[in-house]
């Protein structure tokens, strides 16, 4: 329910324990049995949504015939997620409050979106590694594919 409310409101600052409790038909103290505060609830929701996002992209990439097709599939899945889940997408990728400090990960753990970002970087790197032509083109420009 908290995930739906967050998507509907489009702003993590507008997600409250009271609103989640009301939407679930429980009292606010019952939410505190599972989450110590609003930030921990928000962190759990953001982590869950990034896991769903990451699974969708990884599943799409797995269907690729080669690194380039896999990256195209990953990108299509990214846009598909945004189109099908606009509220979640907006919250995950445009809410400044969801940075490391906003979800209380600063200096403690990786941001919940780090895994998805690293997977994208890895997918791009596989394309760079598979393309001698790209290496030659970048070299002509005075760049290096491995330095990107």
Foldseek 3Di string as FASTA:
>chain_A
DQLVVQLVVLALVPRALCVVCVVVVHHSVVVCVPPVGSLQVVQVSLLVLLVVLQVQLVVQLVPAPALVSSLVSSVVSNVVCCVVRVSSCSNNPPHPLQPCVNSVNVVNDDRSNPVSVVVNVVSQLRVLVPDPPVQVVQVVVVHGSVVD
